[in-house]
Amino acid sequence: MSANLNRVHATFEGEAIEAEAGASVAAALIASDRVAWRTTRDGAQRGLFCGIGVCFDCLVEIDGESGQRACMIPLQEGMRVCDNGTRATRTAVDADTEEAAQ
């Protein structure tokens, strides 16, 4: 049996990620050299922290459904993973703050 048959392929922000079958979305993100994949409203980077679904630091959007804990969801073939919208929110907050300061 080929090792490739045990790999699952998906995307994060449009870029390819992959992991062994059964691995979590967080494991696939870390395997693709991503240690942080969202930011807080204050701009702090977050990624995997507890790894058991308690802390909510690893939240992502999966196939359009936000608020998913990357450490708890197995990576599935073709899954589309995004940063849970926090980067877009952060950009909007920055723009509002900058506009108010002027």
PDB file of N, CA and C in Angstrom:
ATOM      1  N   MET A   1       0.852  -1.185   0.000  1.00  0.00           N
ATOM      2  CA  MET A   1       0.000   0.000   0.000  1.00  0.00           C
ATOM      3  C   MET A   1       0.890   1.236   0.000  1.00  0.00           C
ATOM      4  N   SER A   2       0.575   2.186  -0.836  1.00  0.00           N
ATOM      5  CA  SER A   2       1.351   3.419  -0.952  1.00  0.00           C
ATOM      6  C   SER A   2       1.100   4.339   0.237  1.00  0.00           C
ATOM      7  N   ALA A   3       2.157   5.024   0.701  1.00  0.00           N
ATOM      8  CA  ALA A   3       2.024   5.971   1.812  1.00  0.00           C
ATOM      9  C   ALA A   3       1.094   7.112   1.443  1.00  0.00           C
ATOM     10  N   ASN A   4       1.012   7.445   0.140  1.00  0.00           N
ATOM     11  CA  ASN A   4       0.142   8.529  -0.312  1.00  0.00           C
ATOM     12  C   ASN A   4      -1.330   8.252  -0.046  1.00  0.00           C
ATOM     13  N   LEU A   5      -1.737   6.989  -0.004  1.00  0.00           N
ATOM     14  CA  LEU A   5      -3.129   6.644   0.235  1.00  0.00           C
ATOM     15  C   LEU A   5      -3.558   7.003   1.647  1.00  0.00           C
ATOM     16  N   ASN A   6      -2.599   7.195   2.553  1.00  0.00           N
ATOM     17  CA  ASN A   6      -2.909   7.540   3.931  1.00  0.00           C
ATOM     18  C   ASN A   6      -2.821   9.034   4.201  1.00  0.00           C
ATOM     19  N   ARG A   7      -2.685   9.851   3.155  1.00  0.00           N
ATOM     20  CA  ARG A   7      -2.585  11.301   3.292  1.00  0.00           C
ATOM     21  C   ARG A   7      -3.926  11.945   2.943  1.00  0.00           C
ATOM     22  N   VAL A   8      -4.254  12.981   3.678  1.00  0.00           N
ATOM     23  CA  VAL A   8      -5.474  13.748   3.429  1.00  0.00           C
ATOM     24  C   VAL A   8      -5.043  15.138   3.006  1.00  0.00           C
ATOM     25  N   HIS A   9      -5.687  15.680   1.964  1.00  0.00           N
ATOM     26  CA  HIS A   9      -5.325  16.976   1.403  1.00  0.00           C
ATOM     27  C   HIS A   9      -6.472  17.962   1.586  1.00  0.00           C
ATOM     28  N   ALA A  10      -6.127  19.182   1.963  1.00  0.00           N
ATOM     29  CA  ALA A  10      -7.109  20.240   2.177  1.00  0.00           C
ATOM     30  C   ALA A  10      -6.422  21.570   1.878  1.00  0.00           C
ATOM     31  N   THR A  11      -7.101  22.666   2.180  1.00  0.00           N
ATOM     32  CA  THR A  11      -6.479  23.980   2.008  1.00  0.00           C
ATOM     33  C   THR A  11      -6.689  24.825   3.260  1.00  0.00           C
ATOM     34  N   PHE A  12      -5.728  25.720   3.507  1.00  0.00           N
ATOM     35  CA  PHE A  12      -5.853  26.748   4.535  1.00  0.00           C
ATOM     36  C   PHE A  12      -5.587  28.075   3.854  1.00  0.00           C
ATOM     37  N   GLU A  13      -6.580  28.948   3.881  1.00  0.00           N
ATOM     38  CA  GLU A  13      -6.465  30.248   3.205  1.00  0.00           C
ATOM     39  C   GLU A  13      -6.030  30.067   1.752  1.00  0.00           C
ATOM     40  N   GLY A  14      -6.519  28.999   1.115  1.00  0.00           N
ATOM     41  CA  GLY A  14      -6.239  28.740  -0.286  1.00  0.00           C
ATOM     42  C   GLY A  14      -4.932  28.019  -0.570  1.00  0.00           C
ATOM     43  N   GLU A  15      -4.109  27.800   0.460  1.00  0.00           N
ATOM     44  CA  GLU A  15      -2.838  27.093   0.283  1.00  0.00           C
ATOM     45  C   GLU A  15      -2.983  25.642   0.735  1.00  0.00           C
ATOM     46  N   ALA A  16      -2.322  24.749   0.028  1.00  0.00           N
ATOM     47  CA  ALA A  16      -2.427  23.322   0.320  1.00  0.00           C
ATOM     48  C   ALA A  16      -1.868  22.972   1.691  1.00  0.00           C
ATOM     49  N   ILE A  17      -2.591  22.110   2.398  1.00  0.00           N
ATOM     50  CA  ILE A  17      -2.106  21.484   3.627  1.00  0.00           C
ATOM     51  C   ILE A  17      -2.422  20.003   3.510  1.00  0.00           C
ATOM     52  N   GLU A  18      -1.690  19.198   4.245  1.00  0.00           N
ATOM     53  CA  GLU A  18      -1.967  17.764   4.239  1.00  0.00           C
ATOM     54  C   GLU A  18      -1.478  17.148   5.536  1.00  0.00           C
ATOM     55  N   ALA A  19      -2.010  15.987   5.828  1.00  0.00           N
ATOM     56  CA  ALA A  19      -1.620  15.255   7.036  1.00  0.00           C
ATOM     57  C   ALA A  19      -1.987  13.792   6.856  1.00  0.00           C
ATOM     58  N   GLU A  20      -1.489  12.981   7.754  1.00  0.00           N
ATOM     59  CA  GLU A  20      -1.874  11.575   7.771  1.00  0.00           C
ATOM     60  C   GLU A  20      -3.362  11.471   8.068  1.00  0.00           C
ATOM     61  N   ALA A  21      -4.018  10.483   7.497  1.00  0.00           N
ATOM     62  CA  ALA A  21      -5.431  10.251   7.773  1.00  0.00           C
ATOM     63  C   ALA A  21      -5.632  10.113   9.278  1.00  0.00           C
ATOM     64  N   GLY A  22      -6.650  10.795   9.796  1.00  0.00           N
ATOM     65  CA  GLY A  22      -6.950  10.762  11.224  1.00  0.00           C
ATOM     66  C   GLY A  22      -6.349  11.910  12.010  1.00  0.00           C
ATOM     67  N   ALA A  23      -5.424  12.652  11.412  1.00  0.00           N
ATOM     68  CA  ALA A  23      -4.809  13.792  12.100  1.00  0.00           C
ATOM     69  C   ALA A  23      -5.794  14.957  12.165  1.00  0.00           C
ATOM     70  N   SER A  24      -5.632  15.773  13.161  1.00  0.00           N
ATOM     71  CA  SER A  24      -6.499  16.938  13.317  1.00  0.00           C
ATOM     72  C   SER A  24      -6.119  18.049  12.347  1.00  0.00           C
ATOM     73  N   VAL A  25      -7.031  18.992  12.189  1.00  0.00           N
ATOM     74  CA  VAL A  25      -6.748  20.173  11.379  1.00  0.00           C
ATOM     75  C   VAL A  25      -5.538  20.900  11.966  1.00  0.00           C
ATOM     76  N   ALA A  26      -5.476  21.010  13.285  1.00  0.00           N
ATOM     77  CA  ALA A  26      -4.333  21.668  13.937  1.00  0.00           C
ATOM     78  C   ALA A  26      -3.024  20.962  13.606  1.00  0.00           C
ATOM     79  N   ALA A  27      -3.022  19.650  13.617  1.00  0.00           N
ATOM     80  CA  ALA A  27      -1.810  18.892  13.283  1.00  0.00           C
ATOM     81  C   ALA A  27      -1.377  19.177  11.853  1.00  0.00           C
ATOM     82  N   ALA A  28      -2.342  19.271  10.941  1.00  0.00           N
ATOM     83  CA  ALA A  28      -2.017  19.576   9.540  1.00  0.00           C
ATOM     84  C   ALA A  28      -1.449  20.982   9.416  1.00  0.00           C
ATOM     85  N   LEU A  29      -1.997  21.928  10.166  1.00  0.00           N
ATOM     86  CA  LEU A  29      -1.489  23.304  10.121  1.00  0.00           C
ATOM     87  C   LEU A  29      -0.066  23.371  10.670  1.00  0.00           C
ATOM     88  N   ILE A  30       0.185  22.685  11.756  1.00  0.00           N
ATOM     89  CA  ILE A  30       1.533  22.671  12.331  1.00  0.00           C
ATOM     90  C   ILE A  30       2.505  21.964  11.387  1.00  0.00           C
ATOM     91  N   ALA A  31       2.059  20.867  10.754  1.00  0.00           N
ATOM     92  CA  ALA A  31       2.913  20.153   9.810  1.00  0.00           C
ATOM     93  C   ALA A  31       3.265  21.012   8.600  1.00  0.00           C
ATOM     94  N   SER A  32       2.448  22.035   8.322  1.00  0.00           N
ATOM     95  CA  SER A  32       2.732  22.936   7.206  1.00  0.00           C
ATOM     96  C   SER A  32       3.439  24.207   7.693  1.00  0.00           C
ATOM     97  N   ASP A  33       4.085  24.097   8.851  1.00  0.00           N
ATOM     98  CA  ASP A  33       4.886  25.182   9.434  1.00  0.00           C
ATOM     99  C   ASP A  33       4.076  26.399   9.846  1.00  0.00           C
ATOM    100  N   ARG A  34       2.828  26.191  10.229  1.00  0.00           N
ATOM    101  CA  ARG A  34       2.008  27.291  10.760  1.00  0.00           C
ATOM    102  C   ARG A  34       1.839  27.062  12.258  1.00  0.00           C
ATOM    103  N   VAL A  35       2.390  27.944  13.057  1.00  0.00           N
ATOM    104  CA  VAL A  35       2.238  27.817  14.507  1.00  0.00           C
ATOM    105  C   VAL A  35       1.158  28.752  15.041  1.00  0.00           C
ATOM    106  N   ALA A  36       0.746  29.703  14.221  1.00  0.00           N
ATOM    107  CA  ALA A  36      -0.354  30.601  14.574  1.00  0.00           C
ATOM    108  C   ALA A  36      -1.218  30.773  13.337  1.00  0.00           C
ATOM    109  N   TRP A  37      -2.528  30.731  13.527  1.00  0.00           N
ATOM    110  CA  TRP A  37      -3.409  30.864  12.365  1.00  0.00           C
ATOM    111  C   TRP A  37      -4.601  31.760  12.640  1.00  0.00           C
ATOM    112  N   ARG A  38      -4.587  32.478  13.734  1.00  0.00           N
ATOM    113  CA  ARG A  38      -5.586  33.505  13.959  1.00  0.00           C
ATOM    114  C   ARG A  38      -4.973  34.574  14.848  1.00  0.00           C
ATOM    115  N   THR A  39      -5.614  35.727  14.906  1.00  0.00           N
ATOM    116  CA  THR A  39      -5.166  36.788  15.800  1.00  0.00           C
ATOM    117  C   THR A  39      -6.342  37.244  16.637  1.00  0.00           C
ATOM    118  N   THR A  40      -6.050  37.689  17.834  1.00  0.00           N
ATOM    119  CA  THR A  40      -7.092  38.236  18.695  1.00  0.00           C
ATOM    120  C   THR A  40      -7.408  39.657  18.244  1.00  0.00           C
ATOM    121  N   ARG A  41      -8.423  40.254  18.825  1.00  0.00           N
ATOM    122  CA  ARG A  41      -8.762  41.646  18.506  1.00  0.00           C
ATOM    123  C   ARG A  41      -7.611  42.586  18.829  1.00  0.00           C
ATOM    124  N   ASP A  42      -6.779  42.192  19.778  1.00  0.00           N
ATOM    125  CA  ASP A  42      -5.624  43.009  20.168  1.00  0.00           C
ATOM    126  C   ASP A  42      -4.396  42.730  19.314  1.00  0.00           C
ATOM    127  N   GLY A  43      -4.511  41.807  18.362  1.00  0.00           N
ATOM    128  CA  GLY A  43      -3.408  41.510  17.453  1.00  0.00           C
ATOM    129  C   GLY A  43      -2.485  40.391  17.900  1.00  0.00           C
ATOM    130  N   ALA A  44      -2.780  39.752  19.033  1.00  0.00           N
ATOM    131  CA  ALA A  44      -1.946  38.641  19.496  1.00  0.00           C
ATOM    132  C   ALA A  44      -2.203  37.407  18.627  1.00  0.00           C
ATOM    133  N   GLN A  45      -1.133  36.719  18.252  1.00  0.00           N
ATOM    134  CA  GLN A  45      -1.269  35.522  17.437  1.00  0.00           C
ATOM    135  C   GLN A  45      -1.659  34.325  18.291  1.00  0.00           C
ATOM    136  N   ARG A  46      -2.508  33.490  17.734  1.00  0.00           N
ATOM    137  CA  ARG A  46      -2.963  32.291  18.421  1.00  0.00           C
ATOM    138  C   ARG A  46      -2.904  31.109  17.480  1.00  0.00           C
ATOM    139  N   GLY A  47      -2.680  29.947  18.041  1.00  0.00           N
ATOM    140  CA  GLY A  47      -2.663  28.686  17.312  1.00  0.00           C
ATOM    141  C   GLY A  47      -3.017  27.591  18.294  1.00  0.00           C
ATOM    142  N   LEU A  48      -2.287  26.513  18.251  1.00  0.00           N
ATOM    143  CA  LEU A  48      -2.534  25.402  19.158  1.00  0.00           C
ATOM    144  C   LEU A  48      -1.959  25.714  20.533  1.00  0.00           C
ATOM    145  N   PHE A  49      -2.755  25.553  21.579  1.00  0.00           N
ATOM    146  CA  PHE A  49      -2.275  25.769  22.946  1.00  0.00           C
ATOM    147  C   PHE A  49      -2.476  24.501  23.765  1.00  0.00           C
ATOM    148  N   CYS A  50      -3.711  24.172  24.086  1.00  0.00           N
ATOM    149  CA  CYS A  50      -3.939  23.000  24.937  1.00  0.00           C
ATOM    150  C   CYS A  50      -4.002  21.700  24.135  1.00  0.00           C
ATOM    151  N   GLY A  51      -4.520  21.766  22.920  1.00  0.00           N
ATOM    152  CA  GLY A  51      -4.607  20.575  22.080  1.00  0.00           C
ATOM    153  C   GLY A  51      -5.705  19.601  22.457  1.00  0.00           C
ATOM    154  N   ILE A  52      -6.569  19.964  23.428  1.00  0.00           N
ATOM    155  CA  ILE A  52      -7.644  19.057  23.840  1.00  0.00           C
ATOM    156  C   ILE A  52      -9.021  19.723  23.833  1.00  0.00           C
ATOM    157  N   GLY A  53      -9.132  20.887  23.183  1.00  0.00           N
ATOM    158  CA  GLY A  53     -10.427  21.526  23.017  1.00  0.00           C
ATOM    159  C   GLY A  53     -10.922  22.354  24.176  1.00  0.00           C
ATOM    160  N   VAL A  54     -10.063  22.677  25.121  1.00  0.00           N
ATOM    161  CA  VAL A  54     -10.487  23.430  26.291  1.00  0.00           C
ATOM    162  C   VAL A  54     -10.309  24.935  26.118  1.00  0.00           C
ATOM    163  N   CYS A  55      -9.221  25.366  25.489  1.00  0.00           N
ATOM    164  CA  CYS A  55      -8.841  26.787  25.515  1.00  0.00           C
ATOM    165  C   CYS A  55      -9.411  27.640  24.390  1.00  0.00           C
ATOM    166  N   PHE A  56      -9.821  27.084  23.295  1.00  0.00           N
ATOM    167  CA  PHE A  56     -10.384  27.800  22.145  1.00  0.00           C
ATOM    168  C   PHE A  56      -9.377  28.714  21.438  1.00  0.00           C
ATOM    169  N   ASP A  57      -8.090  28.556  21.671  1.00  0.00           N
ATOM    170  CA  ASP A  57      -7.091  29.366  20.969  1.00  0.00           C
ATOM    171  C   ASP A  57      -6.949  28.953  19.510  1.00  0.00           C
ATOM    172  N   CYS A  58      -7.351  27.753  19.142  1.00  0.00           N
ATOM    173  CA  CYS A  58      -7.112  27.239  17.791  1.00  0.00           C
ATOM    174  C   CYS A  58      -8.323  27.372  16.869  1.00  0.00           C
ATOM    175  N   LEU A  59      -9.237  28.282  17.159  1.00  0.00           N
ATOM    176  CA  LEU A  59     -10.448  28.411  16.360  1.00  0.00           C
ATOM    177  C   LEU A  59     -10.157  28.725  14.901  1.00  0.00           C
ATOM    178  N   VAL A  60     -10.885  28.050  14.031  1.00  0.00           N
ATOM    179  CA  VAL A  60     -10.793  28.256  12.583  1.00  0.00           C
ATOM    180  C   VAL A  60     -12.206  28.186  11.995  1.00  0.00           C
ATOM    181  N   GLU A  61     -12.298  28.562  10.740  1.00  0.00           N
ATOM    182  CA  GLU A  61     -13.517  28.353   9.967  1.00  0.00           C
ATOM    183  C   GLU A  61     -13.265  27.157   9.065  1.00  0.00           C
ATOM    184  N   ILE A  62     -14.183  26.203   9.081  1.00  0.00           N
ATOM    185  CA  ILE A  62     -14.050  25.002   8.245  1.00  0.00           C
ATOM    186  C   ILE A  62     -15.265  24.896   7.350  1.00  0.00           C
ATOM    187  N   ASP A  63     -15.011  24.911   6.051  1.00  0.00           N
ATOM    188  CA  ASP A  63     -16.078  24.805   5.047  1.00  0.00           C
ATOM    189  C   ASP A  63     -17.232  25.769   5.341  1.00  0.00           C
ATOM    190  N   GLY A  64     -16.877  27.007   5.718  1.00  0.00           N
ATOM    191  CA  GLY A  64     -17.876  28.047   5.950  1.00  0.00           C
ATOM    192  C   GLY A  64     -18.457  28.096   7.345  1.00  0.00           C
ATOM    193  N   GLU A  65     -18.096  27.169   8.211  1.00  0.00           N
ATOM    194  CA  GLU A  65     -18.625  27.142   9.569  1.00  0.00           C
ATOM    195  C   GLU A  65     -17.560  27.657  10.540  1.00  0.00           C
ATOM    196  N   SER A  66     -17.804  28.824  11.118  1.00  0.00           N
ATOM    197  CA  SER A  66     -16.814  29.441  11.999  1.00  0.00           C
ATOM    198  C   SER A  66     -16.847  28.833  13.397  1.00  0.00           C
ATOM    199  N   GLY A  67     -15.843  29.164  14.177  1.00  0.00           N
ATOM    200  CA  GLY A  67     -15.785  28.735  15.571  1.00  0.00           C
ATOM    201  C   GLY A  67     -15.429  27.278  15.784  1.00  0.00           C
ATOM    202  N   GLN A  68     -14.753  26.667  14.835  1.00  0.00           N
ATOM    203  CA  GLN A  68     -14.377  25.259  14.948  1.00  0.00           C
ATOM    204  C   GLN A  68     -13.013  25.125  15.610  1.00  0.00           C
ATOM    205  N   ARG A  69     -12.898  24.221  16.572  1.00  0.00           N
ATOM    206  CA  ARG A  69     -11.615  23.991  17.243  1.00  0.00           C
ATOM    207  C   ARG A  69     -10.761  23.062  16.385  1.00  0.00           C
ATOM    208  N   ALA A  70      -9.671  23.624  15.847  1.00  0.00           N
ATOM    209  CA  ALA A  70      -8.803  22.882  14.932  1.00  0.00           C
ATOM    210  C   ALA A  70      -8.217  21.633  15.583  1.00  0.00           C
ATOM    211  N   CYS A  71      -8.043  21.646  16.887  1.00  0.00           N
ATOM    212  CA  CYS A  71      -7.448  20.497  17.570  1.00  0.00           C
ATOM    213  C   CYS A  71      -8.424  19.327  17.714  1.00  0.00           C
ATOM    214  N   MET A  72      -9.709  19.585  17.519  1.00  0.00           N
ATOM    215  CA  MET A  72     -10.721  18.554  17.745  1.00  0.00           C
ATOM    216  C   MET A  72     -11.312  17.968  16.460  1.00  0.00           C
ATOM    217  N   ILE A  73     -11.028  18.589  15.325  1.00  0.00           N
ATOM    218  CA  ILE A  73     -11.652  18.187  14.064  1.00  0.00           C
ATOM    219  C   ILE A  73     -10.629  17.437  13.204  1.00  0.00           C
ATOM    220  N   PRO A  74     -10.936  16.196  12.811  1.00  0.00           N
ATOM    221  CA  PRO A  74     -10.026  15.483  11.910  1.00  0.00           C
ATOM    222  C   PRO A  74     -10.021  16.145  10.527  1.00  0.00           C
ATOM    223  N   LEU A  75      -8.852  16.270   9.938  1.00  0.00           N
ATOM    224  CA  LEU A  75      -8.737  16.812   8.594  1.00  0.00           C
ATOM    225  C   LEU A  75      -9.422  15.861   7.619  1.00  0.00           C
ATOM    226  N   GLN A  76     -10.259  16.412   6.747  1.00  0.00           N
ATOM    227  CA  GLN A  76     -10.971  15.617   5.755  1.00  0.00           C
ATOM    228  C   GLN A  76     -10.529  16.046   4.358  1.00  0.00           C
ATOM    229  N   GLU A  77     -10.560  15.117   3.441  1.00  0.00           N
ATOM    230  CA  GLU A  77     -10.175  15.391   2.056  1.00  0.00           C
ATOM    231  C   GLU A  77     -10.994  16.551   1.497  1.00  0.00           C
ATOM    232  N   GLY A  78     -10.297  17.559   0.943  1.00  0.00           N
ATOM    233  CA  GLY A  78     -10.951  18.692   0.303  1.00  0.00           C
ATOM    234  C   GLY A  78     -11.456  19.775   1.238  1.00  0.00           C
ATOM    235  N   MET A  79     -11.239  19.620   2.526  1.00  0.00           N
ATOM    236  CA  MET A  79     -11.704  20.595   3.500  1.00  0.00           C
ATOM    237  C   MET A  79     -11.112  21.972   3.192  1.00  0.00           C
ATOM    238  N   ARG A  80     -11.924  23.020   3.342  1.00  0.00           N
ATOM    239  CA  ARG A  80     -11.464  24.399   3.175  1.00  0.00           C
ATOM    240  C   ARG A  80     -11.401  25.054   4.548  1.00  0.00           C
ATOM    241  N   VAL A  81     -10.203  25.325   5.008  1.00  0.00           N
ATOM    242  CA  VAL A  81      -9.995  25.889   6.340  1.00  0.00           C
ATOM    243  C   VAL A  81      -9.558  27.346   6.186  1.00  0.00           C
ATOM    244  N   CYS A  82     -10.152  28.216   6.993  1.00  0.00           N
ATOM    245  CA  CYS A  82      -9.805  29.643   6.988  1.00  0.00           C
ATOM    246  C   CYS A  82      -9.527  30.087   8.417  1.00  0.00           C
ATOM    247  N   ASP A  83      -9.070  31.314   8.561  1.00  0.00           N
ATOM    248  CA  ASP A  83      -8.642  31.826   9.864  1.00  0.00           C
ATOM    249  C   ASP A  83      -9.776  32.292  10.766  1.00  0.00           C
ATOM    250  N   ASN A  84     -11.010  31.903  10.539  1.00  0.00           N
ATOM    251  CA  ASN A  84     -12.158  32.232  11.377  1.00  0.00           C
ATOM    252  C   ASN A  84     -12.568  33.697  11.279  1.00  0.00           C
ATOM    253  N   GLY A  85     -12.056  34.409  10.258  1.00  0.00           N
ATOM    254  CA  GLY A  85     -12.463  35.781  10.037  1.00  0.00           C
ATOM    255  C   GLY A  85     -11.811  36.810  10.925  1.00  0.00           C
ATOM    256  N   THR A  86     -10.916  36.384  11.799  1.00  0.00           N
ATOM    257  CA  THR A  86     -10.331  37.337  12.745  1.00  0.00           C
ATOM    258  C   THR A  86      -9.392  38.310  12.069  1.00  0.00           C
ATOM    259  N   ARG A  87      -8.706  37.905  10.997  1.00  0.00           N
ATOM    260  CA  ARG A  87      -7.820  38.850  10.308  1.00  0.00           C
ATOM    261  C   ARG A  87      -8.623  39.939   9.631  1.00  0.00           C
ATOM    262  N   ALA A  88      -9.731  39.579   9.004  1.00  0.00           N
ATOM    263  CA  ALA A  88     -10.579  40.585   8.370  1.00  0.00           C
ATOM    264  C   ALA A  88     -11.162  41.519   9.418  1.00  0.00           C
ATOM    265  N   THR A  89     -11.568  40.972  10.554  1.00  0.00           N
ATOM    266  CA  THR A  89     -12.095  41.786  11.635  1.00  0.00           C
ATOM    267  C   THR A  89     -11.021  42.730  12.150  1.00  0.00           C
ATOM    268  N   ARG A  90      -9.814  42.226  12.315  1.00  0.00           N
ATOM    269  CA  ARG A  90      -8.709  43.046  12.798  1.00  0.00           C
ATOM    270  C   ARG A  90      -8.435  44.199  11.848  1.00  0.00           C
ATOM    271  N   THR A  91      -8.457  43.944  10.562  1.00  0.00           N
ATOM    272  CA  THR A  91      -8.235  44.996   9.566  1.00  0.00           C
ATOM    273  C   THR A  91      -9.319  46.055   9.670  1.00  0.00           C
ATOM    274  N   ALA A  92     -10.560  45.642   9.841  1.00  0.00           N
ATOM    275  CA  ALA A  92     -11.662  46.592   9.964  1.00  0.00           C
ATOM    276  C   ALA A  92     -11.524  47.426  11.235  1.00  0.00           C
ATOM    277  N   VAL A  93     -11.128  46.801  12.347  1.00  0.00           N
ATOM    278  CA  VAL A  93     -10.927  47.522  13.605  1.00  0.00           C
ATOM    279  C   VAL A  93      -9.811  48.527  13.450  1.00  0.00           C
ATOM    280  N   ASP A  94      -8.687  48.141  12.826  1.00  0.00           N
ATOM    281  CA  ASP A  94      -7.585  49.061  12.595  1.00  0.00           C
ATOM    282  C   ASP A  94      -8.020  50.259  11.758  1.00  0.00           C
ATOM    283  N   ALA A  95      -8.809  50.009  10.709  1.00  0.00           N
ATOM    284  CA  ALA A  95      -9.263  51.093   9.837  1.00  0.00           C
ATOM    285  C   ALA A  95     -10.162  52.055  10.596  1.00  0.00           C
ATOM    286  N   ASP A  96     -11.068  51.518  11.422  1.00  0.00           N
ATOM    287  CA  ASP A  96     -11.953  52.359  12.227  1.00  0.00           C
ATOM    288  C   ASP A  96     -11.173  53.191  13.227  1.00  0.00           C
ATOM    289  N   THR A  97     -10.175  52.602  13.876  1.00  0.00           N
ATOM    290  CA  THR A  97      -9.355  53.292  14.855  1.00  0.00           C
ATOM    291  C   THR A  97      -8.556  54.399  14.201  1.00  0.00           C
ATOM    292  N   GLU A  98      -7.973  54.082  13.049  1.00  0.00           N
ATOM    293  CA  GLU A  98      -7.183  55.079  12.312  1.00  0.00           C
ATOM    294  C   GLU A  98      -8.061  56.250  11.862  1.00  0.00           C
ATOM    295  N   GLU A  99      -9.268  55.938  11.377  1.00  0.00           N
ATOM    296  CA  GLU A  99     -10.175  56.974  10.912  1.00  0.00           C
ATOM    297  C   GLU A  99     -10.606  57.869  12.062  1.00  0.00           C
ATOM    298  N   ALA A 100     -10.891  57.285  13.229  1.00  0.00           N
ATOM    299  CA  ALA A 100     -11.298  58.059  14.396  1.00  0.00           C
ATOM    300  C   ALA A 100     -10.182  58.959  14.897  1.00  0.00           C
ATOM    301  N   ALA A 101      -8.941  58.535  14.725  1.00  0.00           N
ATOM    302  CA  ALA A 101      -7.793  59.315  15.202  1.00  0.00           C
ATOM    303  C   ALA A 101      -7.532  60.539  14.339  1.00  0.00           C
ATOM    304  N   GLN A 102      -8.046  60.542  13.111  1.00  0.00           N
ATOM    305  CA  GLN A 102      -7.755  61.673  12.195  1.00  0.00           C
ATOM    306  C   GLN A 102      -8.673  62.810  12.378  1.00  0.00           C
TER     307      GLN A 102
END
